[in-house]
PDB file of N, CA and C in Angstrom:
ATOM      1  N   MET A   1      -9.576   1.028   6.201  1.00  0.00           N
ATOM      2  CA  MET A   1      -9.083   1.136   4.891  1.00  0.00           C
ATOM      3  C   MET A   1      -8.700  -0.335   5.034  1.00  0.00           C
ATOM      4  N   PRO A   2      -8.796  -1.353   3.909  1.00  0.00           N
ATOM      5  CA  PRO A   2      -8.826  -2.790   3.912  1.00  0.00           C
ATOM      6  C   PRO A   2      -7.292  -2.201   3.267  1.00  0.00           C
ATOM      7  N   VAL A   3      -6.129  -2.965   3.504  1.00  0.00           N
ATOM      8  CA  VAL A   3      -5.062  -3.062   3.152  1.00  0.00           C
ATOM      9  C   VAL A   3      -4.317  -4.449   2.671  1.00  0.00           C
ATOM     10  N   VAL A   4      -3.802  -4.689   1.973  1.00  0.00           N
ATOM     11  CA  VAL A   4      -2.982  -5.795   1.140  1.00  0.00           C
ATOM     12  C   VAL A   4      -1.545  -5.992   1.672  1.00  0.00           C
ATOM     13  N   ILE A   5      -0.809  -6.798   2.076  1.00  0.00           N
ATOM     14  CA  ILE A   5       0.645  -6.441   2.537  1.00  0.00           C
ATOM     15  C   ILE A   5       1.397  -8.029   1.515  1.00  0.00           C
ATOM     16  N   CYS A   6       1.939  -7.921   0.529  1.00  0.00           N
ATOM     17  CA  CYS A   6       2.261  -9.261   0.072  1.00  0.00           C
ATOM     18  C   CYS A   6       3.788  -8.763  -0.072  1.00  0.00           C
ATOM     19  N   ALA A   7       4.730 -10.058  -0.442  1.00  0.00           N
ATOM     20  CA  ALA A   7       6.208  -9.797  -1.002  1.00  0.00           C
ATOM     21  C   ALA A   7       6.265  -9.282  -2.121  1.00  0.00           C
ATOM     22  N   SER A   8       7.448  -9.038  -2.275  1.00  0.00           N
ATOM     23  CA  SER A   8       7.742  -8.543  -3.664  1.00  0.00           C
ATOM     24  C   SER A   8       8.032  -9.946  -4.672  1.00  0.00           C
ATOM     25  N   ASP A   9       8.287 -10.886  -4.511  1.00  0.00           N
ATOM     26  CA  ASP A   9       8.485 -11.997  -5.012  1.00  0.00           C
ATOM     27  C   ASP A   9       8.189 -13.091  -4.307  1.00  0.00           C
ATOM     28  N   LEU A  10       6.422 -13.053  -5.458  1.00  0.00           N
ATOM     29  CA  LEU A  10       5.919 -14.574  -4.616  1.00  0.00           C
ATOM     30  C   LEU A  10       6.207 -16.244  -5.429  1.00  0.00           C
ATOM     31  N   PRO A  11       5.983 -17.439  -4.701  1.00  0.00           N
ATOM     32  CA  PRO A  11       6.047 -18.013  -5.808  1.00  0.00           C
ATOM     33  C   PRO A  11       5.353 -18.307  -7.179  1.00  0.00           C
ATOM     34  N   ASP A  12       4.301 -17.828  -7.656  1.00  0.00           N
ATOM     35  CA  ASP A  12       3.625 -17.887  -9.052  1.00  0.00           C
ATOM     36  C   ASP A  12       3.634 -16.050  -9.349  1.00  0.00           C
ATOM     37  N   GLY A  13       4.378 -15.814  -8.813  1.00  0.00           N
ATOM     38  CA  GLY A  13       4.518 -14.029  -9.661  1.00  0.00           C
ATOM     39  C   GLY A  13       4.878 -13.099  -9.063  1.00  0.00           C
ATOM     40  N   THR A  14       4.713 -11.863  -9.167  1.00  0.00           N
ATOM     41  CA  THR A  14       5.121 -10.865  -8.484  1.00  0.00           C
ATOM     42  C   THR A  14       4.144  -9.736  -7.519  1.00  0.00           C
ATOM     43  N   TRP A  15       4.845  -8.825  -6.829  1.00  0.00           N
ATOM     44  CA  TRP A  15       3.782  -7.902  -6.430  1.00  0.00           C
ATOM     45  C   TRP A  15       2.832  -7.168  -7.516  1.00  0.00           C
ATOM     46  N   ARG A  16       3.471  -7.373  -8.659  1.00  0.00           N
ATOM     47  CA  ARG A  16       2.619  -6.328  -9.763  1.00  0.00           C
ATOM     48  C   ARG A  16       1.659  -7.261 -10.048  1.00  0.00           C
ATOM     49  N   ASP A  17       1.404  -8.538 -10.188  1.00  0.00           N
ATOM     50  CA  ASP A  17       0.371  -9.463 -10.204  1.00  0.00           C
ATOM     51  C   ASP A  17      -0.695  -9.418  -9.114  1.00  0.00           C
ATOM     52  N   VAL A  18      -0.271  -9.299  -7.991  1.00  0.00           N
ATOM     53  CA  VAL A  18      -1.047  -8.748  -6.989  1.00  0.00           C
ATOM     54  C   VAL A  18      -2.405  -7.567  -7.184  1.00  0.00           C
ATOM     55  N   LEU A  19      -0.970  -6.134  -7.622  1.00  0.00           N
ATOM     56  CA  LEU A  19      -1.459  -4.993  -7.837  1.00  0.00           C
ATOM     57  C   LEU A  19      -2.562  -4.967  -8.820  1.00  0.00           C
ATOM     58  N   TYR A  20      -2.416  -5.794  -9.972  1.00  0.00           N
ATOM     59  CA  TYR A  20      -3.295  -5.599 -11.035  1.00  0.00           C
ATOM     60  C   TYR A  20      -4.659  -6.120 -10.616  1.00  0.00           C
ATOM     61  N   GLN A  21      -4.404  -7.743  -9.958  1.00  0.00           N
ATOM     62  CA  GLN A  21      -5.944  -8.392  -9.535  1.00  0.00           C
ATOM     63  C   GLN A  21      -6.591  -7.579  -8.561  1.00  0.00           C
ATOM     64  N   ILE A  22      -5.851  -6.741  -7.464  1.00  0.00           N
ATOM     65  CA  ILE A  22      -6.494  -6.122  -6.678  1.00  0.00           C
ATOM     66  C   ILE A  22      -7.068  -4.699  -7.185  1.00  0.00           C
ATOM     67  N   ASN A  23      -6.481  -4.317  -8.531  1.00  0.00           N
ATOM     68  CA  ASN A  23      -7.436  -3.162  -8.942  1.00  0.00           C
ATOM     69  C   ASN A  23      -8.430  -3.096  -9.511  1.00  0.00           C
ATOM     70  N   THR A  24      -8.946  -4.560  -9.671  1.00  0.00           N
ATOM     71  CA  THR A  24      -9.916  -4.837 -11.083  1.00  0.00           C
ATOM     72  C   THR A  24     -11.339  -5.112  -9.833  1.00  0.00           C
ATOM     73  N   LEU A  25     -10.707  -4.664  -8.744  1.00  0.00           N
ATOM     74  CA  LEU A  25     -11.947  -4.580  -7.462  1.00  0.00           C
ATOM     75  C   LEU A  25     -12.941  -3.371  -7.626  1.00  0.00           C
ATOM     76  N   THR A  26     -13.940  -3.483  -7.116  1.00  0.00           N
ATOM     77  CA  THR A  26     -14.852  -2.400  -6.802  1.00  0.00           C
ATOM     78  C   THR A  26     -14.251  -1.266  -6.259  1.00  0.00           C
ATOM     79  N   HIS A  27     -13.970  -1.313  -4.780  1.00  0.00           N
ATOM     80  CA  HIS A  27     -13.336  -1.095  -4.167  1.00  0.00           C
ATOM     81  C   HIS A  27     -11.878  -1.535  -3.512  1.00  0.00           C
ATOM     82  N   PRO A  28     -10.952  -1.171  -4.327  1.00  0.00           N
ATOM     83  CA  PRO A  28      -9.438  -2.076  -4.031  1.00  0.00           C
ATOM     84  C   PRO A  28      -8.728  -1.483  -2.814  1.00  0.00           C
ATOM     85  N   PRO A  29      -8.398  -2.415  -2.173  1.00  0.00           N
ATOM     86  CA  PRO A  29      -7.386  -2.059  -1.010  1.00  0.00           C
ATOM     87  C   PRO A  29      -6.235  -1.701  -1.242  1.00  0.00           C
ATOM     88  N   VAL A  30      -5.395  -1.085  -0.277  1.00  0.00           N
ATOM     89  CA  VAL A  30      -3.671  -0.455  -0.666  1.00  0.00           C
ATOM     90  C   VAL A  30      -2.922  -1.405  -0.363  1.00  0.00           C
ATOM     91  N   LEU A  31      -2.140  -1.191  -1.302  1.00  0.00           N
ATOM     92  CA  LEU A  31      -1.262  -2.492  -1.532  1.00  0.00           C
ATOM     93  C   LEU A  31       0.106  -1.830  -0.911  1.00  0.00           C
ATOM     94  N   VAL A  32       0.930  -2.618   0.122  1.00  0.00           N
ATOM     95  CA  VAL A  32       1.812  -2.278   0.532  1.00  0.00           C
ATOM     96  C   VAL A  32       2.955  -3.509   0.619  1.00  0.00           C
ATOM     97  N   VAL A  33       4.101  -3.558  -0.200  1.00  0.00           N
ATOM     98  CA  VAL A  33       4.978  -4.407  -0.612  1.00  0.00           C
ATOM     99  C   VAL A  33       6.223  -4.630   0.168  1.00  0.00           C
ATOM    100  N   THR A  34       6.661  -6.029   0.562  1.00  0.00           N
ATOM    101  CA  THR A  34       7.649  -6.118   1.620  1.00  0.00           C
ATOM    102  C   THR A  34       8.618  -6.955   0.600  1.00  0.00           C
ATOM    103  N   SER A  35       9.834  -6.849   0.890  1.00  0.00           N
ATOM    104  CA  SER A  35      11.317  -6.835   0.423  1.00  0.00           C
ATOM    105  C   SER A  35      12.124  -6.478   1.297  1.00  0.00           C
ATOM    106  N   ARG A  36      13.193  -7.589   1.577  1.00  0.00           N
ATOM    107  CA  ARG A  36      14.140  -7.579   2.081  1.00  0.00           C
ATOM    108  C   ARG A  36      15.473  -6.639   1.056  1.00  0.00           C
ATOM    109  N   LEU A  37      15.013  -5.894  -0.325  1.00  0.00           N
ATOM    110  CA  LEU A  37      16.108  -5.346  -1.038  1.00  0.00           C
ATOM    111  C   LEU A  37      15.166  -4.138  -1.185  1.00  0.00           C
ATOM    112  N   ALA A  38      14.714  -3.497  -0.255  1.00  0.00           N
ATOM    113  CA  ALA A  38      13.503  -2.555  -0.423  1.00  0.00           C
ATOM    114  C   ALA A  38      14.469  -1.374  -0.635  1.00  0.00           C
ATOM    115  N   ASP A  39      14.587  -0.950  -1.926  1.00  0.00           N
ATOM    116  CA  ASP A  39      15.747   0.037  -2.149  1.00  0.00           C
ATOM    117  C   ASP A  39      14.924   0.939  -2.937  1.00  0.00           C
ATOM    118  N   ASP A  40      15.290   2.507  -3.411  1.00  0.00           N
ATOM    119  CA  ASP A  40      14.838   3.765  -4.017  1.00  0.00           C
ATOM    120  C   ASP A  40      13.604   3.153  -5.306  1.00  0.00           C
ATOM    121  N   TYR A  41      14.561   2.605  -6.026  1.00  0.00           N
ATOM    122  CA  TYR A  41      14.073   1.897  -7.087  1.00  0.00           C
ATOM    123  C   TYR A  41      12.664   0.960  -6.997  1.00  0.00           C
ATOM    124  N   LEU A  42      12.827   0.290  -6.453  1.00  0.00           N
ATOM    125  CA  LEU A  42      11.203  -0.741  -5.532  1.00  0.00           C
ATOM    126  C   LEU A  42      10.763   0.186  -4.936  1.00  0.00           C
ATOM    127  N   TRP A  43      10.946   1.576  -3.995  1.00  0.00           N
ATOM    128  CA  TRP A  43      10.069   2.259  -3.352  1.00  0.00           C
ATOM    129  C   TRP A  43       9.365   3.462  -4.659  1.00  0.00           C
ATOM    130  N   GLY A  44      10.105   3.443  -5.434  1.00  0.00           N
ATOM    131  CA  GLY A  44       9.544   4.565  -7.036  1.00  0.00           C
ATOM    132  C   GLY A  44       8.626   3.465  -7.614  1.00  0.00           C
ATOM    133  N   GLU A  45       8.880   2.061  -7.823  1.00  0.00           N
ATOM    134  CA  GLU A  45       8.175   1.466  -9.224  1.00  0.00           C
ATOM    135  C   GLU A  45       7.159   1.562  -8.251  1.00  0.00           C
ATOM    136  N   VAL A  46       6.865   0.869  -7.231  1.00  0.00           N
ATOM    137  CA  VAL A  46       5.520   0.597  -6.223  1.00  0.00           C
ATOM    138  C   VAL A  46       4.564   2.074  -6.234  1.00  0.00           C
ATOM    139  N   LEU A  47       5.240   3.268  -5.909  1.00  0.00           N
ATOM    140  CA  LEU A  47       4.341   4.193  -5.955  1.00  0.00           C
ATOM    141  C   LEU A  47       3.810   4.518  -7.428  1.00  0.00           C
ATOM    142  N   ASN A  48       4.583   4.487  -8.591  1.00  0.00           N
ATOM    143  CA  ASN A  48       4.369   4.966  -9.682  1.00  0.00           C
ATOM    144  C   ASN A  48       3.446   4.228 -10.300  1.00  0.00           C
ATOM    145  N   LEU A  49       3.389   2.850  -9.681  1.00  0.00           N
ATOM    146  CA  LEU A  49       2.179   1.942 -10.629  1.00  0.00           C
ATOM    147  C   LEU A  49       0.814   1.739  -9.597  1.00  0.00           C
ATOM    148  N   GLY A  50       1.482   2.483  -8.426  1.00  0.00           N
ATOM    149  CA  GLY A  50      -0.001   2.647  -7.554  1.00  0.00           C
ATOM    150  C   GLY A  50      -0.348   2.067  -6.705  1.00  0.00           C
ATOM    151  N   GLY A  51       0.760   1.466  -5.926  1.00  0.00           N
ATOM    152  CA  GLY A  51       0.890   0.466  -4.772  1.00  0.00           C
ATOM    153  C   GLY A  51       1.218   2.025  -3.628  1.00  0.00           C
ATOM    154  N   TYR A  52       0.893   1.732  -1.951  1.00  0.00           N
ATOM    155  CA  TYR A  52       1.124   3.024  -1.643  1.00  0.00           C
ATOM    156  C   TYR A  52       2.340   2.807  -0.468  1.00  0.00           C
ATOM    157  N   ASN A  53       3.355   1.506  -0.508  1.00  0.00           N
ATOM    158  CA  ASN A  53       4.480   2.292   0.088  1.00  0.00           C
ATOM    159  C   ASN A  53       5.442   0.654   0.064  1.00  0.00           C
ATOM    160  N   VAL A  54       6.461   0.540   0.472  1.00  0.00           N
ATOM    161  CA  VAL A  54       7.466  -0.257   0.526  1.00  0.00           C
ATOM    162  C   VAL A  54       7.627  -0.801   2.024  1.00  0.00           C
ATOM    163  N   LEU A  55       7.627  -1.442   2.795  1.00  0.00           N
ATOM    164  CA  LEU A  55       8.549  -2.171   4.152  1.00  0.00           C
ATOM    165  C   LEU A  55       9.469  -2.968   3.654  1.00  0.00           C
ATOM    166  N   ALA A  56      10.815  -2.633   4.896  1.00  0.00           N
ATOM    167  CA  ALA A  56      11.594  -3.318   4.246  1.00  0.00           C
ATOM    168  C   ALA A  56      11.817  -5.305   5.545  1.00  0.00           C
ATOM    169  N   LYS A  57      12.286  -6.080   5.247  1.00  0.00           N
ATOM    170  CA  LYS A  57      12.536  -6.725   5.991  1.00  0.00           C
ATOM    171  C   LYS A  57      13.629  -6.892   6.282  1.00  0.00           C
ATOM    172  N   PRO A  58      14.019  -7.100   7.550  1.00  0.00           N
ATOM    173  CA  PRO A  58      13.283  -7.553   8.620  1.00  0.00           C
ATOM    174  C   PRO A  58      12.322  -6.279   9.104  1.00  0.00           C
ATOM    175  N   PHE A  59      11.506  -6.147   9.596  1.00  0.00           N
ATOM    176  CA  PHE A  59      10.291  -5.603   9.814  1.00  0.00           C
ATOM    177  C   PHE A  59      10.726  -4.631  10.891  1.00  0.00           C
ATOM    178  N   GLN A  60      11.009  -3.207  10.903  1.00  0.00           N
ATOM    179  CA  GLN A  60      11.136  -2.538  12.138  1.00  0.00           C
ATOM    180  C   GLN A  60       9.990  -1.936  12.866  1.00  0.00           C
ATOM    181  N   GLU A  61       9.798  -2.129  13.954  1.00  0.00           N
ATOM    182  CA  GLU A  61       8.241  -1.729  14.584  1.00  0.00           C
ATOM    183  C   GLU A  61       8.157  -0.324  14.216  1.00  0.00           C
ATOM    184  N   SER A  62       8.952   0.353  14.614  1.00  0.00           N
ATOM    185  CA  SER A  62       8.520   2.092  14.060  1.00  0.00           C
ATOM    186  C   SER A  62       8.285   2.008  12.548  1.00  0.00           C
ATOM    187  N   GLU A  63       8.509   1.323  11.918  1.00  0.00           N
ATOM    188  CA  GLU A  63       8.503   1.278  10.131  1.00  0.00           C
ATOM    189  C   GLU A  63       7.051   1.380   9.843  1.00  0.00           C
ATOM    190  N   VAL A  64       6.422   0.127  10.638  1.00  0.00           N
ATOM    191  CA  VAL A  64       5.528  -0.661  10.670  1.00  0.00           C
ATOM    192  C   VAL A  64       4.659   0.474  11.198  1.00  0.00           C
ATOM    193  N   LYS A  65       4.467   0.778  12.086  1.00  0.00           N
ATOM    194  CA  LYS A  65       3.733   2.000  12.711  1.00  0.00           C
ATOM    195  C   LYS A  65       3.319   3.257  12.055  1.00  0.00           C
ATOM    196  N   HIS A  66       4.379   3.586  11.577  1.00  0.00           N
ATOM    197  CA  HIS A  66       4.729   4.585  10.232  1.00  0.00           C
ATOM    198  C   HIS A  66       3.460   4.728   9.372  1.00  0.00           C
ATOM    199  N   VAL A  67       3.696   3.439   8.526  1.00  0.00           N
ATOM    200  CA  VAL A  67       3.415   3.267   7.503  1.00  0.00           C
ATOM    201  C   VAL A  67       1.488   3.333   7.956  1.00  0.00           C
ATOM    202  N   VAL A  68       1.205   2.201   8.538  1.00  0.00           N
ATOM    203  CA  VAL A  68      -0.132   2.261   9.235  1.00  0.00           C
ATOM    204  C   VAL A  68      -0.620   3.391   9.522  1.00  0.00           C
ATOM    205  N   ALA A  69       0.022   4.466  10.565  1.00  0.00           N
ATOM    206  CA  ALA A  69      -0.417   5.684  11.319  1.00  0.00           C
ATOM    207  C   ALA A  69      -0.823   6.095   9.587  1.00  0.00           C
ATOM    208  N   SER A  70       0.370   6.252   8.617  1.00  0.00           N
ATOM    209  CA  SER A  70      -0.016   7.302   7.859  1.00  0.00           C
ATOM    210  C   SER A  70      -1.186   6.963   6.744  1.00  0.00           C
ATOM    211  N   LEU A  71      -1.729   5.557   6.656  1.00  0.00           N
ATOM    212  CA  LEU A  71      -2.888   4.861   5.766  1.00  0.00           C
ATOM    213  C   LEU A  71      -3.819   5.404   6.687  1.00  0.00           C
ATOM    214  N   TRP A  72      -3.886   5.125   8.218  1.00  0.00           N
ATOM    215  CA  TRP A  72      -5.199   5.749   8.601  1.00  0.00           C
ATOM    216  C   TRP A  72      -4.999   6.826   8.762  1.00  0.00           C
ATOM    217  N   MET A  73      -3.885   8.120   8.725  1.00  0.00           N
ATOM    218  CA  MET A  73      -4.840   9.679   8.496  1.00  0.00           C
ATOM    219  C   MET A  73      -4.503   9.881   7.274  1.00  0.00           C
ATOM    220  N   ASN A  74      -4.130   9.284   6.150  1.00  0.00           N
ATOM    221  CA  ASN A  74      -4.762   9.601   4.805  1.00  0.00           C
ATOM    222  C   ASN A  74      -6.140   9.111   4.687  1.00  0.00           C
ATOM    223  N   GLU A  75      -6.825   7.880   5.160  1.00  0.00           N
ATOM    224  CA  GLU A  75      -8.493   7.678   4.862  1.00  0.00           C
ATOM    225  C   GLU A  75      -8.666   8.888   5.856  1.00  0.00           C
ATOM    226  N   HIS A  76      -8.375   8.640   6.821  1.00  0.00           N
ATOM    227  CA  HIS A  76      -9.272   9.791   7.985  1.00  0.00           C
ATOM    228  C   HIS A  76      -9.448  11.165   7.247  1.00  0.00           C
ATOM    229  N   ARG A  77      -8.159  11.327   6.521  1.00  0.00           N
ATOM    230  CA  ARG A  77      -8.863  12.916   5.643  1.00  0.00           C
ATOM    231  C   ARG A  77      -9.448  13.273   4.610  1.00  0.00           C
ATOM    232  N   GLN A  78      -9.514  11.695   4.173  1.00  0.00           N
ATOM    233  CA  GLN A  78     -10.436  11.524   2.904  1.00  0.00           C
ATOM    234  C   GLN A  78     -11.989  11.522   2.952  1.00  0.00           C
ATOM    235  N   VAL A  79     -12.211  10.787   4.585  1.00  0.00           N
ATOM    236  CA  VAL A  79     -13.477  10.646   5.087  1.00  0.00           C
ATOM    237  C   VAL A  79     -13.923  12.632   5.195  1.00  0.00           C
ATOM    238  N   HIS A  80     -13.173  12.903   5.826  1.00  0.00           N
ATOM    239  CA  HIS A  80     -13.424  14.340   6.033  1.00  0.00           C
ATOM    240  C   HIS A  80     -13.693  15.305   4.745  1.00  0.00           C
ATOM    241  N   LYS A  81     -12.848  15.280   4.036  1.00  0.00           N
ATOM    242  CA  LYS A  81     -12.903  15.586   2.921  1.00  0.00           C
ATOM    243  C   LYS A  81     -14.142  15.560   1.739  1.00  0.00           C
ATOM    244  N   ARG A  82     -14.770  14.086   1.956  1.00  0.00           N
ATOM    245  CA  ARG A  82     -16.011  13.629   1.501  1.00  0.00           C
ATOM    246  C   ARG A  82     -17.056  14.638   2.252  1.00  0.00           C
ATOM    247  N   ALA A  83     -17.139  14.051   3.735  1.00  0.00           N
ATOM    248  CA  ALA A  83     -18.023  14.596   4.641  1.00  0.00           C
ATOM    249  C   ALA A  83     -18.298  16.390   4.100  1.00  0.00           C
ATOM    250  N   ALA A  84     -17.243  17.196   4.420  1.00  0.00           N
ATOM    251  CA  ALA A  84     -17.310  18.360   3.912  1.00  0.00           C
ATOM    252  C   ALA A  84     -17.564  18.911   2.148  1.00  0.00           C
ATOM    253  N   ALA A  85     -17.553  18.225   1.919  1.00  0.00           N
ATOM    254  CA  ALA A  85     -18.091  18.235   0.200  1.00  0.00           C
ATOM    255  C   ALA A  85     -19.415  17.562   0.037  1.00  0.00           C
ATOM    256  N   GLY A  86     -20.164  16.895   0.979  1.00  0.00           N
ATOM    257  CA  GLY A  86     -21.500  16.401   1.037  1.00  0.00           C
ATOM    258  C   GLY A  86     -21.646  15.213   0.375  1.00  0.00           C
ATOM    259  N   VAL A  87     -20.424  14.217   0.115  1.00  0.00           N
ATOM    260  CA  VAL A  87     -20.378  13.080  -0.893  1.00  0.00           C
ATOM    261  C   VAL A  87     -20.389  12.276   0.172  1.00  0.00           C
ATOM    262  N   ALA A  88     -21.021  11.034  -0.097  1.00  0.00           N
ATOM    263  CA  ALA A  88     -21.058   9.778   0.659  1.00  0.00           C
ATOM    264  C   ALA A  88     -20.052   8.989   0.586  1.00  0.00           C
TER     265      ALA A  88
END
């Protein structure tokens, strides 16, 4: 599963701009936002607007592994659902 990881604030925009751009793609990647100020507000905003998750900086190995494992399991589940339904 393609993933884009970007900082919440960028020199020329924000994660919202990245989300808008990737959502124009035929098969958009999943967006994970990173921030030193990763709080419930940012997390809720990212999820509500279509992002996948937020990672707090500095990164904790266990949290990064959890997010990646969750992405993989979610994709794995979707592939099996499509296969069971006979959809490519």
